[in-house]
C-alpha atoms as a PDB file:
ATOM      1  CA  MET A   1       7.661  29.442 -19.628  1.00  0.00           C
ATOM      2  CA  ARG A   2       4.278  30.522 -18.997  1.00  0.00           C
ATOM      3  CA  ARG A   3       3.043  29.012 -22.674  1.00  0.00           C
ATOM      4  CA  ILE A   4       4.398  25.758 -21.541  1.00  0.00           C
ATOM      5  CA  ALA A   5       2.431  25.934 -18.183  1.00  0.00           C
ATOM      6  CA  LEU A   6      -0.701  26.816 -19.892  1.00  0.00           C
ATOM      7  CA  ILE A   7      -0.017  23.928 -22.494  1.00  0.00           C
ATOM      8  CA  ALA A   8       0.299  21.498 -19.597  1.00  0.00           C
ATOM      9  CA  ILE A   9      -2.899  22.534 -17.827  1.00  0.00           C
ATOM     10  CA  ALA A  10      -4.775  22.184 -21.176  1.00  0.00           C
ATOM     11  CA  LEU A  11      -3.349  18.549 -21.788  1.00  0.00           C
ATOM     12  CA  VAL A  12      -4.158  17.632 -18.107  1.00  0.00           C
ATOM     13  CA  THR A  13      -7.716  19.122 -18.207  1.00  0.00           C
ATOM     14  CA  CYS A  14      -8.873  18.327 -21.659  1.00  0.00           C
ATOM     15  CA  GLY A  15      -6.549  15.265 -22.256  1.00  0.00           C
ATOM     16  CA  PHE A  16      -8.502  12.599 -20.318  1.00  0.00           C
ATOM     17  CA  PRO A  17     -12.118  11.729 -20.466  1.00  0.00           C
ATOM     18  CA  GLY A  18     -13.609  13.702 -17.355  1.00  0.00           C
ATOM     19  CA  ALA A  19     -10.512  15.269 -16.271  1.00  0.00           C
ATOM     20  CA  SER A  20     -12.583  18.260 -15.456  1.00  0.00           C
ATOM     21  CA  GLN A  21     -13.605  16.523 -12.430  1.00  0.00           C
ATOM     22  CA  ALA A  22     -10.233  15.298 -11.373  1.00  0.00           C
ATOM     23  CA  GLN A  23      -9.863  15.573  -7.640  1.00  0.00           C
ATOM     24  CA  TRP A  24      -7.481  14.943  -4.883  1.00  0.00           C
ATOM     25  CA  HIS A  25      -8.073  11.842  -2.532  1.00  0.00           C
ATOM     26  CA  LEU A  26      -6.836  11.269   0.751  1.00  0.00           C
ATOM     27  CA  GLN A  27      -6.893   7.637   2.528  1.00  0.00           C
ATOM     28  CA  ILE A  28      -6.425   5.973   5.761  1.00  0.00           C
ATOM     29  CA  GLU A  29      -6.194   2.449   5.957  1.00  0.00           C
ATOM     30  CA  GLY A  30      -5.868  -0.327   8.409  1.00  0.00           C
ATOM     31  CA  GLY A  31      -5.990  -4.112   8.734  1.00  0.00           C
ATOM     32  CA  ALA A  32      -3.887  -7.270   9.045  1.00  0.00           C
ATOM     33  CA  SER A  33      -1.156  -8.692   6.891  1.00  0.00           C
ATOM     34  CA  ILE A  34      -0.173 -12.329   6.656  1.00  0.00           C
ATOM     35  CA  LEU A  35       3.334 -13.639   5.950  1.00  0.00           C
ATOM     36  CA  LEU A  36       3.887 -16.352   3.292  1.00  0.00           C
ATOM     37  CA  ASN A  37       7.445 -17.289   3.601  1.00  0.00           C
ATOM     38  CA  VAL A  38      10.331 -18.317   6.132  1.00  0.00           C
ATOM     39  CA  LEU A  39      12.439 -15.662   6.927  1.00  0.00           C
ATOM     40  CA  SER A  40      16.320 -16.078   7.772  1.00  0.00           C
ATOM     41  CA  VAL A  41      17.956 -13.836  10.022  1.00  0.00           C
ATOM     42  CA  ASN A  42      21.552 -12.966   9.028  1.00  0.00           C
ATOM     43  CA  ARG A  43      21.709 -16.614   7.743  1.00  0.00           C
ATOM     44  CA  GLU A  44      21.807 -17.769  11.470  1.00  0.00           C
ATOM     45  CA  LEU A  45      18.253 -18.548  12.224  1.00  0.00           C
ATOM     46  CA  GLU A  46      15.420 -19.439  10.111  1.00  0.00           C
ATOM     47  CA  ILE A  47      12.002 -18.316  11.159  1.00  0.00           C
ATOM     48  CA  ASN A  48       8.993 -20.470  10.258  1.00  0.00           C
ATOM     49  CA  SER A  49       6.924 -17.329   9.668  1.00  0.00           C
ATOM     50  CA  ASP A  50       4.716 -19.112   7.236  1.00  0.00           C
ATOM     51  CA  ASP A  51       1.071 -17.866   7.826  1.00  0.00           C
ATOM     52  CA  GLU A  52       2.051 -15.609  10.670  1.00  0.00           C
ATOM     53  CA  ALA A  53      -0.254 -12.740  10.963  1.00  0.00           C
ATOM     54  CA  GLY A  54       0.003  -8.968  11.836  1.00  0.00           C
ATOM     55  CA  GLY A  55      -1.321  -5.478  11.929  1.00  0.00           C
ATOM     56  CA  LEU A  56      -0.684  -3.095   8.773  1.00  0.00           C
ATOM     57  CA  PHE A  57      -1.851   0.434   8.756  1.00  0.00           C
ATOM     58  CA  GLY A  58      -1.144   3.460   6.327  1.00  0.00           C
ATOM     59  CA  ALA A  59      -1.837   6.820   4.573  1.00  0.00           C
ATOM     60  CA  GLY A  60      -1.760   7.744   1.177  1.00  0.00           C
ATOM     61  CA  PHE A  61      -3.144  10.327  -1.696  1.00  0.00           C
ATOM     62  CA  GLY A  62      -3.974  10.004  -4.829  1.00  0.00           C
ATOM     63  CA  TYR A  63      -4.962  12.628  -8.036  1.00  0.00           C
ATOM     64  CA  GLU A  64      -7.737  11.054 -10.221  1.00  0.00           C
ATOM     65  CA  LEU A  65      -6.937  11.528 -13.839  1.00  0.00           C
ATOM     66  CA  GLY A  66     -10.293  11.331 -15.302  1.00  0.00           C
ATOM     67  CA  GLU A  67     -12.590   8.499 -14.983  1.00  0.00           C
ATOM     68  CA  TYR A  68     -10.177   5.574 -15.161  1.00  0.00           C
ATOM     69  CA  PHE A  69      -6.860   6.324 -13.585  1.00  0.00           C
ATOM     70  CA  GLU A  70      -5.682   7.398 -10.354  1.00  0.00           C
ATOM     71  CA  PRO A  71      -1.739   7.964  -9.552  1.00  0.00           C
ATOM     72  CA  THR A  72      -1.098   7.052  -5.842  1.00  0.00           C
ATOM     73  CA  VAL A  73       1.431   7.280  -3.151  1.00  0.00           C
ATOM     74  CA  ASN A  74       1.419   5.467  -0.066  1.00  0.00           C
ATOM     75  CA  ILE A  75       3.272   5.099   3.264  1.00  0.00           C
ATOM     76  CA  ARG A  76       2.309   2.027   5.160  1.00  0.00           C
ATOM     77  CA  GLY A  77       3.879   0.385   8.501  1.00  0.00           C
ATOM     78  CA  GLY A  78       3.375  -2.582  10.531  1.00  0.00           C
ATOM     79  CA  PHE A  79       4.287  -5.483  12.699  1.00  0.00           C
ATOM     80  CA  THR A  80       4.229  -9.234  12.696  1.00  0.00           C
ATOM     81  CA  PRO A  81       4.714 -11.259  15.859  1.00  0.00           C
ATOM     82  CA  LEU A  82       7.308 -14.150  15.379  1.00  0.00           C
ATOM     83  CA  ASP A  83       6.981 -17.504  17.417  1.00  0.00           C
ATOM     84  CA  VAL A  84      10.805 -18.030  18.098  1.00  0.00           C
ATOM     85  CA  GLY A  85      11.823 -16.683  21.551  1.00  0.00           C
ATOM     86  CA  ILE A  86      10.306 -14.142  24.225  1.00  0.00           C
ATOM     87  CA  LEU A  87       9.787 -10.898  21.925  1.00  0.00           C
ATOM     88  CA  ASP A  88      10.066 -11.465  18.487  1.00  0.00           C
ATOM     89  CA  THR A  89       8.658  -9.016  15.853  1.00  0.00           C
ATOM     90  CA  LEU A  90       9.018  -8.183  12.374  1.00  0.00           C
ATOM     91  CA  THR A  91       8.535  -4.488  11.496  1.00  0.00           C
ATOM     92  CA  LEU A  92       7.766  -3.273   8.275  1.00  0.00           C
ATOM     93  CA  VAL A  93       7.583   0.016   6.736  1.00  0.00           C
ATOM     94  CA  THR A  94       6.800   0.893   2.996  1.00  0.00           C
ATOM     95  CA  VAL A  95       7.118   4.094   0.848  1.00  0.00           C
ATOM     96  CA  THR A  96       5.504   3.088  -2.376  1.00  0.00           C
ATOM     97  CA  ALA A  97       3.976   4.804  -5.596  1.00  0.00           C
ATOM     98  CA  GLY A  98       2.202   3.356  -8.610  1.00  0.00           C
ATOM     99  CA  GLY A  99      -1.340   3.817  -9.650  1.00  0.00           C
ATOM    100  CA  LYS A 100      -5.070   2.505  -9.705  1.00  0.00           C
ATOM    101  CA  LEU A 101      -7.123   1.693 -12.655  1.00  0.00           C
ATOM    102  CA  TYR A 102     -10.807   1.682 -12.461  1.00  0.00           C
ATOM    103  CA  PRO A 103     -12.218  -0.574 -15.220  1.00  0.00           C
ATOM    104  CA  LEU A 104     -15.966   1.045 -14.676  1.00  0.00           C
ATOM    105  CA  GLY A 105     -14.990   4.266 -14.644  1.00  0.00           C
ATOM    106  CA  ASN A 106     -16.576   7.003 -12.276  1.00  0.00           C
ATOM    107  CA  ARG A 107     -19.401   5.388 -10.492  1.00  0.00           C
ATOM    108  CA  ARG A 108     -20.395   5.334  -6.779  1.00  0.00           C
ATOM    109  CA  PHE A 109     -19.389   1.424  -6.380  1.00  0.00           C
ATOM    110  CA  ARG A 110     -15.777   1.216  -7.963  1.00  0.00           C
ATOM    111  CA  PRO A 111     -13.828  -1.739  -8.186  1.00  0.00           C
ATOM    112  CA  TRP A 112     -10.298  -1.110  -8.874  1.00  0.00           C
ATOM    113  CA  LEU A 113      -6.853  -2.835  -9.933  1.00  0.00           C
ATOM    114  CA  GLY A 114      -3.671  -1.563  -8.809  1.00  0.00           C
ATOM    115  CA  ALA A 115       0.143  -1.766  -8.600  1.00  0.00           C
ATOM    116  CA  GLU A 116       3.051   0.240  -6.642  1.00  0.00           C
ATOM    117  CA  ILE A 117       6.871   0.140  -6.545  1.00  0.00           C
ATOM    118  CA  GLY A 118       8.828   1.337  -3.928  1.00  0.00           C
ATOM    119  CA  LEU A 119      11.192   0.891  -0.617  1.00  0.00           C
ATOM    120  CA  TYR A 120      10.537  -1.685   1.859  1.00  0.00           C
ATOM    121  CA  HIS A 121      12.283  -1.140   5.154  1.00  0.00           C
ATOM    122  CA  THR A 122      12.347  -4.588   7.426  1.00  0.00           C
ATOM    123  CA  ASP A 123      13.531  -4.854  10.868  1.00  0.00           C
ATOM    124  CA  VAL A 124      13.502  -8.209  12.559  1.00  0.00           C
ATOM    125  CA  ASP A 125      14.147  -8.386  16.349  1.00  0.00           C
ATOM    126  CA  VAL A 126      14.442 -11.895  18.267  1.00  0.00           C
ATOM    127  CA  GLU A 127      15.319 -12.203  22.030  1.00  0.00           C
ATOM    128  CA  ARG A 128      16.252 -15.558  23.257  1.00  0.00           C
ATOM    129  CA  VAL A 129      16.754 -16.891  26.683  1.00  0.00           C
ATOM    130  CA  PHE A 130      19.756 -19.123  26.136  1.00  0.00           C
ATOM    131  CA  ALA A 131      21.257 -17.819  23.061  1.00  0.00           C
ATOM    132  CA  SER A 132      22.350 -14.240  21.960  1.00  0.00           C
ATOM    133  CA  ASP A 133      19.645 -11.969  20.728  1.00  0.00           C
ATOM    134  CA  LEU A 134      19.593 -11.448  16.694  1.00  0.00           C
ATOM    135  CA  GLU A 135      18.558  -8.328  14.734  1.00  0.00           C
ATOM    136  CA  ALA A 136      18.344  -7.873  11.039  1.00  0.00           C
ATOM    137  CA  GLU A 137      17.371  -4.423   9.174  1.00  0.00           C
ATOM    138  CA  ASP A 138      17.303  -3.722   5.601  1.00  0.00           C
ATOM    139  CA  ASP A 139      16.405  -1.544   3.038  1.00  0.00           C
ATOM    140  CA  SER A 140      15.390  -2.883  -0.267  1.00  0.00           C
ATOM    141  CA  PHE A 141      13.276  -2.501  -3.368  1.00  0.00           C
ATOM    142  CA  GLY A 142       9.752  -4.101  -3.450  1.00  0.00           C
ATOM    143  CA  TYR A 143       6.483  -4.130  -5.259  1.00  0.00           C
ATOM    144  CA  ASN A 144       2.998  -4.585  -4.380  1.00  0.00           C
ATOM    145  CA  VAL A 145      -0.271  -5.462  -6.844  1.00  0.00           C
ATOM    146  CA  GLY A 146      -3.682  -6.126  -5.941  1.00  0.00           C
ATOM    147  CA  GLY A 147      -7.399  -4.661  -6.078  1.00  0.00           C
ATOM    148  CA  GLY A 148     -10.274  -3.693  -4.232  1.00  0.00           C
ATOM    149  CA  LEU A 149     -13.540  -2.021  -3.915  1.00  0.00           C
ATOM    150  CA  ALA A 150     -14.635   1.692  -3.081  1.00  0.00           C
ATOM    151  CA  TYR A 151     -18.034   2.884  -2.328  1.00  0.00           C
ATOM    152  CA  ARG A 152     -18.538   6.857  -2.200  1.00  0.00           C
ATOM    153  CA  LEU A 153     -21.198   7.466   0.419  1.00  0.00           C
ATOM    154  CA  SER A 154     -20.949  11.459  -0.256  1.00  0.00           C
ATOM    155  CA  ASP A 155     -19.006  14.135  -2.230  1.00  0.00           C
ATOM    156  CA  LEU A 156     -16.319  13.969   0.717  1.00  0.00           C
ATOM    157  CA  ILE A 157     -16.150  10.293   2.291  1.00  0.00           C
ATOM    158  CA  SER A 158     -15.516   6.625   0.624  1.00  0.00           C
ATOM    159  CA  LEU A 159     -15.347   3.370   2.226  1.00  0.00           C
ATOM    160  CA  GLY A 160     -13.383   0.588   0.919  1.00  0.00           C
ATOM    161  CA  ALA A 161     -11.530  -2.650   0.615  1.00  0.00           C
ATOM    162  CA  ASP A 162      -7.869  -3.203  -0.431  1.00  0.00           C
ATOM    163  CA  VAL A 163      -6.004  -6.672  -0.841  1.00  0.00           C
ATOM    164  CA  ARG A 164      -2.516  -6.611  -2.157  1.00  0.00           C
ATOM    165  CA  TYR A 165       0.609  -9.070  -2.307  1.00  0.00           C
ATOM    166  CA  HIS A 166       3.662  -7.627  -1.513  1.00  0.00           C
ATOM    167  CA  ARG A 167       7.196  -8.785  -2.465  1.00  0.00           C
ATOM    168  CA  ALA A 168      10.598  -7.236  -1.517  1.00  0.00           C
ATOM    169  CA  ASP A 169      14.070  -8.864  -1.871  1.00  0.00           C
ATOM    170  CA  ALA A 170      15.505  -8.023   1.750  1.00  0.00           C
ATOM    171  CA  SER A 171      18.851  -9.667   1.498  1.00  0.00           C
ATOM    172  CA  ALA A 172      19.178  -9.783   5.551  1.00  0.00           C
ATOM    173  CA  ILE A 173      16.151 -11.832   6.048  1.00  0.00           C
ATOM    174  CA  GLY A 174      15.633 -13.251   2.787  1.00  0.00           C
ATOM    175  CA  ASP A 175      12.761 -12.645   0.238  1.00  0.00           C
ATOM    176  CA  LEU A 176       9.731 -10.997   1.976  1.00  0.00           C
ATOM    177  CA  GLU A 177       6.304 -12.032   0.780  1.00  0.00           C
ATOM    178  CA  LEU A 178       2.952 -10.971   2.556  1.00  0.00           C
ATOM    179  CA  VAL A 179      -0.691 -10.396   1.630  1.00  0.00           C
ATOM    180  CA  SER A 180      -2.375  -7.599   3.185  1.00  0.00           C
ATOM    181  CA  PHE A 181      -6.051  -7.013   3.905  1.00  0.00           C
ATOM    182  CA  LEU A 182      -7.096  -3.661   4.749  1.00  0.00           C
ATOM    183  CA  ALA A 183     -10.152  -1.514   5.316  1.00  0.00           C
ATOM    184  CA  THR A 184      -9.958   1.984   3.767  1.00  0.00           C
ATOM    185  CA  LEU A 185     -11.517   5.372   4.718  1.00  0.00           C
ATOM    186  CA  GLY A 186     -11.243   7.920   2.102  1.00  0.00           C
ATOM    187  CA  PHE A 187     -11.529  11.903   1.747  1.00  0.00           C
ATOM    188  CA  HIS A 188     -12.099  13.254  -1.743  1.00  0.00           C
ATOM    189  CA  PHE A 189     -11.676  16.946  -2.512  1.00  0.00           C
ATOM    190  CA  GLY A 190     -12.431  18.879  -5.674  1.00  0.00           C
ATOM    191  CA  GLY A 191     -15.234  17.290  -7.203  1.00  0.00           C
ATOM    192  CA  GLU A 192     -18.530  15.659  -6.765  1.00  0.00           C
ATOM    193  CA  ALA A 193     -19.580  12.107  -6.076  1.00  0.00           C
ATOM    194  CA  PRO A 194     -21.243  10.065  -9.095  1.00  0.00           C
ATOM    195  CA  PRO A 195     -25.179  10.162  -9.070  1.00  0.00           C
ATOM    196  CA  ARG A 196     -26.824   7.264  -7.199  1.00  0.00           C
END
C-alpha cells in the first residue's frame, strides 16, 4: 500500500509539466445571471422569463495540475425575480465539478476555458392575488460551459471574470437556460505567482 501511495505521488508531481508548482485555489464569486427561456410551472402557468436578470453568488476550489489544467468544484446560489404576481422568484442552487484549461500556461494574465457537470436545484414561487399560489421544486442534472480571465495580483490573490452558459432539464419548470456573468476573487496556496 505504501508503494502504491509513493507511485501515485510521483505520477502527480512528475507526470504533468510544472506540477511541482501545483497549488490549491479557493475562489469566491458574485455577479448577475440572465434567464434565456420561458419557464412552465407544473404545466399550469407559463412565465415569460426570457431576459429576466437576477443575482448569482458562489464559492469553489481547484487544484492546479501543472500549467494547463485545474480540476474544479463549485457551489453557486442565486435568485431571479419573475414578473408574474406579487412576489415571484426563481431560486437556484448548483453543485458542480469539472475543470479549467489554461491554453497559455502559467502566466500572470491567464485566459481559460471551462466546463462542469452536476446538480441543479430550482425552486419557483409564484404568489398571485386572484388565483392560488404556485410552487415548483426540482433537482436535475445540468452542465455549464464558458470561459474567463484571471489576473494574478500577488502570490496569494487573483482577480478575474467568469462567463458561463448553464442548462438543466428541470422537469417541474421546463428546461432551465441561463448565462452568468461573475467577478471572481481568488486565493492561492502552495506556490508563487509567475514573474511579471
